[in-house]
Amino acid sequence: MIKTPCPICNEQMRDHDEKEIEKCLWEFVRESKNPVVYASRKKTICPICEKEMLDHNTSETRQCVKQFVDDVKNLELEKED
C-alpha cells in the first residue's frame, strides 16, 4: 500500500491523471534502480516502506518498486470505476 505522496512530485497519487502517473512512475523506477546517481539531485523516499531509496539493497528496491507499480495500477482501476 502506498504510504506517502508521490515520491517524484510530492502530490497524492489519487490526484494524478493518467499522463502524470506514467511520468512519475517512469521517473521513480529509473531513479530507484540507480539511486546513487540521483541522490545528489534529491532524496527519494520509498512510498512503500518510507525509507530512503539510497538505503535499499537491490532486493528491497525490486520489491518496493514492484509493489508501488502494482499499487498505482490498482489506483487506476479504482479511478475508472
N, C-alpha and C. Protein backbone atom coordinates (compact mmCIF):
# COMPACT_ATOMS: atom_id res chain seq x y z
N MET A 1 0.84 -1.19 0.00
CA MET A 1 0.00 0.00 0.00
C MET A 1 0.88 1.25 0.00
N ILE A 2 0.50 2.24 -0.78
CA ILE A 2 1.25 3.48 -0.87
C ILE A 2 1.03 4.27 0.41
N LYS A 3 2.13 4.57 1.11
CA LYS A 3 2.04 5.23 2.42
C LYS A 3 2.36 6.72 2.35
N THR A 4 3.02 7.15 1.30
CA THR A 4 3.47 8.54 1.21
C THR A 4 2.94 9.17 -0.08
N PRO A 5 3.04 10.48 -0.22
CA PRO A 5 2.70 11.11 -1.51
C PRO A 5 3.65 10.62 -2.60
N CYS A 6 3.36 10.97 -3.80
CA CYS A 6 4.21 10.59 -4.93
C CYS A 6 5.66 10.94 -4.64
N PRO A 7 6.58 10.00 -4.80
CA PRO A 7 7.99 10.26 -4.50
C PRO A 7 8.65 11.23 -5.47
N ILE A 8 8.00 11.52 -6.57
CA ILE A 8 8.58 12.41 -7.58
C ILE A 8 8.05 13.84 -7.44
N CYS A 9 6.73 14.00 -7.44
CA CYS A 9 6.17 15.35 -7.43
C CYS A 9 5.55 15.74 -6.08
N ASN A 10 5.50 14.81 -5.15
CA ASN A 10 5.02 15.06 -3.79
C ASN A 10 3.52 15.35 -3.70
N GLU A 11 2.75 14.97 -4.72
CA GLU A 11 1.29 15.08 -4.67
C GLU A 11 0.72 13.69 -4.41
N GLN A 12 -0.52 13.63 -3.98
CA GLN A 12 -1.15 12.34 -3.75
C GLN A 12 -1.34 11.62 -5.09
N MET A 13 -1.09 10.32 -5.10
CA MET A 13 -1.22 9.56 -6.34
C MET A 13 -2.65 9.57 -6.85
N ARG A 14 -3.62 9.62 -5.99
CA ARG A 14 -5.02 9.66 -6.41
C ARG A 14 -5.36 10.93 -7.20
N ASP A 15 -4.56 11.97 -7.02
CA ASP A 15 -4.80 13.24 -7.72
C ASP A 15 -4.13 13.31 -9.08
N HIS A 16 -3.38 12.30 -9.44
CA HIS A 16 -2.68 12.27 -10.73
C HIS A 16 -3.65 11.89 -11.84
N ASP A 17 -3.44 12.47 -13.01
CA ASP A 17 -4.14 11.96 -14.18
C ASP A 17 -3.25 10.89 -14.82
N GLU A 18 -3.72 10.29 -15.88
CA GLU A 18 -3.00 9.18 -16.49
C GLU A 18 -1.59 9.58 -16.96
N LYS A 19 -1.48 10.77 -17.53
CA LYS A 19 -0.18 11.24 -18.01
C LYS A 19 0.80 11.46 -16.86
N GLU A 20 0.33 12.05 -15.76
CA GLU A 20 1.19 12.27 -14.60
C GLU A 20 1.61 10.94 -13.97
N ILE A 21 0.70 9.99 -13.91
CA ILE A 21 1.03 8.67 -13.36
C ILE A 21 2.15 8.04 -14.17
N GLU A 22 2.00 8.06 -15.47
CA GLU A 22 3.00 7.45 -16.34
C GLU A 22 4.37 8.14 -16.16
N LYS A 23 4.37 9.46 -16.15
CA LYS A 23 5.61 10.23 -16.00
C LYS A 23 6.27 9.95 -14.65
N CYS A 24 5.50 10.01 -13.58
CA CYS A 24 6.06 9.81 -12.25
C CYS A 24 6.52 8.36 -12.03
N LEU A 25 5.76 7.41 -12.54
CA LEU A 25 6.18 6.00 -12.42
C LEU A 25 7.50 5.78 -13.14
N TRP A 26 7.59 6.26 -14.37
CA TRP A 26 8.80 6.07 -15.16
C TRP A 26 10.00 6.67 -14.43
N GLU A 27 9.83 7.90 -13.94
CA GLU A 27 10.93 8.57 -13.25
C GLU A 27 11.30 7.87 -11.94
N PHE A 28 10.29 7.42 -11.20
CA PHE A 28 10.56 6.72 -9.94
C PHE A 28 11.33 5.42 -10.18
N VAL A 29 10.90 4.65 -11.15
CA VAL A 29 11.59 3.39 -11.45
C VAL A 29 13.04 3.67 -11.88
N ARG A 30 13.23 4.65 -12.74
CA ARG A 30 14.57 5.00 -13.21
C ARG A 30 15.46 5.43 -12.04
N GLU A 31 14.97 6.29 -11.18
CA GLU A 31 15.77 6.78 -10.05
C GLU A 31 16.00 5.69 -9.01
N SER A 32 15.02 4.82 -8.82
CA SER A 32 15.14 3.76 -7.82
C SER A 32 16.18 2.72 -8.20
N LYS A 33 16.29 2.48 -9.48
CA LYS A 33 17.25 1.47 -9.93
C LYS A 33 18.68 1.98 -9.92
N ASN A 34 18.87 3.28 -9.79
CA ASN A 34 20.21 3.84 -9.74
C ASN A 34 20.23 5.03 -8.78
N PRO A 35 19.94 4.79 -7.50
CA PRO A 35 19.78 5.89 -6.55
C PRO A 35 21.05 6.72 -6.30
N VAL A 36 22.20 6.14 -6.49
CA VAL A 36 23.45 6.87 -6.23
C VAL A 36 23.58 8.04 -7.22
N VAL A 37 23.22 7.82 -8.45
CA VAL A 37 23.32 8.86 -9.47
C VAL A 37 22.36 10.01 -9.15
N TYR A 38 21.15 9.67 -8.71
CA TYR A 38 20.13 10.69 -8.49
C TYR A 38 20.11 11.25 -7.08
N ALA A 39 20.84 10.66 -6.16
CA ALA A 39 20.82 11.09 -4.76
C ALA A 39 21.31 12.52 -4.58
N SER A 40 22.24 12.93 -5.40
CA SER A 40 22.76 14.29 -5.27
C SER A 40 21.72 15.33 -5.70
N ARG A 41 20.80 14.92 -6.54
CA ARG A 41 19.77 15.82 -7.03
C ARG A 41 18.67 16.02 -6.00
N LYS A 42 18.19 14.91 -5.45
CA LYS A 42 17.17 14.98 -4.40
C LYS A 42 17.07 13.64 -3.69
N LYS A 43 16.62 13.69 -2.47
CA LYS A 43 16.44 12.47 -1.68
C LYS A 43 15.08 11.88 -2.04
N THR A 44 15.05 10.60 -2.41
CA THR A 44 13.80 9.93 -2.76
C THR A 44 13.39 9.01 -1.62
N ILE A 45 12.20 9.22 -1.13
CA ILE A 45 11.65 8.38 -0.06
C ILE A 45 10.76 7.32 -0.69
N CYS A 46 10.97 6.09 -0.28
CA CYS A 46 10.18 4.99 -0.81
C CYS A 46 8.72 5.14 -0.38
N PRO A 47 7.78 5.08 -1.32
CA PRO A 47 6.37 5.22 -0.99
C PRO A 47 5.78 3.97 -0.32
N ILE A 48 6.54 2.90 -0.29
CA ILE A 48 6.05 1.65 0.30
C ILE A 48 6.54 1.49 1.73
N CYS A 49 7.84 1.56 1.94
CA CYS A 49 8.39 1.32 3.29
C CYS A 49 8.85 2.60 4.00
N GLU A 50 8.81 3.71 3.29
CA GLU A 50 9.14 5.03 3.85
C GLU A 50 10.62 5.22 4.23
N LYS A 51 11.49 4.35 3.72
CA LYS A 51 12.94 4.54 3.90
C LYS A 51 13.47 5.30 2.68
N GLU A 52 14.66 5.87 2.82
CA GLU A 52 15.30 6.47 1.66
C GLU A 52 15.63 5.37 0.65
N MET A 53 15.47 5.66 -0.62
CA MET A 53 15.79 4.66 -1.65
C MET A 53 17.27 4.32 -1.62
N LEU A 54 18.10 5.25 -1.22
CA LEU A 54 19.54 5.01 -1.14
C LEU A 54 19.87 3.95 -0.08
N ASP A 55 18.98 3.77 0.89
CA ASP A 55 19.20 2.78 1.95
C ASP A 55 18.72 1.38 1.58
N HIS A 56 18.10 1.22 0.43
CA HIS A 56 17.62 -0.09 -0.02
C HIS A 56 18.75 -0.90 -0.64
N ASN A 57 18.70 -2.21 -0.42
CA ASN A 57 19.59 -3.07 -1.20
C ASN A 57 18.85 -3.43 -2.50
N THR A 58 19.48 -4.16 -3.38
CA THR A 58 18.89 -4.46 -4.69
C THR A 58 17.56 -5.20 -4.56
N SER A 59 17.51 -6.16 -3.67
CA SER A 59 16.30 -6.95 -3.47
C SER A 59 15.15 -6.08 -2.95
N GLU A 60 15.44 -5.24 -1.97
CA GLU A 60 14.42 -4.34 -1.41
C GLU A 60 13.93 -3.36 -2.48
N THR A 61 14.84 -2.88 -3.29
CA THR A 61 14.46 -1.95 -4.36
C THR A 61 13.48 -2.61 -5.31
N ARG A 62 13.82 -3.81 -5.77
CA ARG A 62 12.93 -4.54 -6.68
C ARG A 62 11.55 -4.75 -6.06
N GLN A 63 11.55 -5.19 -4.81
CA GLN A 63 10.32 -5.48 -4.11
C GLN A 63 9.45 -4.22 -3.97
N CYS A 64 10.04 -3.13 -3.53
CA CYS A 64 9.29 -1.90 -3.31
C CYS A 64 8.81 -1.29 -4.63
N VAL A 65 9.66 -1.30 -5.65
CA VAL A 65 9.27 -0.75 -6.95
C VAL A 65 8.11 -1.57 -7.52
N LYS A 66 8.22 -2.88 -7.45
CA LYS A 66 7.14 -3.74 -7.95
C LYS A 66 5.84 -3.48 -7.20
N GLN A 67 5.92 -3.38 -5.88
CA GLN A 67 4.73 -3.14 -5.08
C GLN A 67 4.12 -1.76 -5.40
N PHE A 68 4.96 -0.76 -5.59
CA PHE A 68 4.48 0.58 -5.92
C PHE A 68 3.77 0.58 -7.27
N VAL A 69 4.36 -0.06 -8.27
CA VAL A 69 3.74 -0.14 -9.59
C VAL A 69 2.40 -0.86 -9.50
N ASP A 70 2.36 -1.97 -8.77
CA ASP A 70 1.10 -2.71 -8.59
C ASP A 70 0.05 -1.85 -7.89
N ASP A 71 0.45 -1.13 -6.85
CA ASP A 71 -0.49 -0.27 -6.12
C ASP A 71 -1.02 0.86 -7.00
N VAL A 72 -0.16 1.43 -7.82
CA VAL A 72 -0.59 2.50 -8.72
C VAL A 72 -1.56 1.95 -9.76
N LYS A 73 -1.29 0.76 -10.27
CA LYS A 73 -2.22 0.14 -11.22
C LYS A 73 -3.59 -0.06 -10.57
N ASN A 74 -3.60 -0.47 -9.32
CA ASN A 74 -4.87 -0.64 -8.61
C ASN A 74 -5.58 0.69 -8.41
N LEU A 75 -4.83 1.76 -8.19
CA LEU A 75 -5.44 3.09 -8.08
C LEU A 75 -6.10 3.48 -9.38
N GLU A 76 -5.44 3.18 -10.51
CA GLU A 76 -6.00 3.49 -11.82
C GLU A 76 -7.32 2.77 -12.02
N LEU A 77 -7.36 1.50 -11.62
CA LEU A 77 -8.59 0.74 -11.77
C LEU A 77 -9.72 1.34 -10.95
N GLU A 78 -9.40 1.78 -9.74
CA GLU A 78 -10.40 2.39 -8.86
C GLU A 78 -10.92 3.68 -9.47
N LYS A 79 -10.05 4.47 -10.11
CA LYS A 79 -10.46 5.74 -10.71
C LYS A 79 -11.43 5.52 -11.87
N GLU A 80 -11.24 4.44 -12.64
CA GLU A 80 -12.06 4.18 -13.81
C GLU A 80 -13.46 3.71 -13.45
N ASP A 81 -13.62 3.10 -12.29
CA ASP A 81 -14.94 2.57 -11.91
C ASP A 81 -15.95 3.64 -11.68
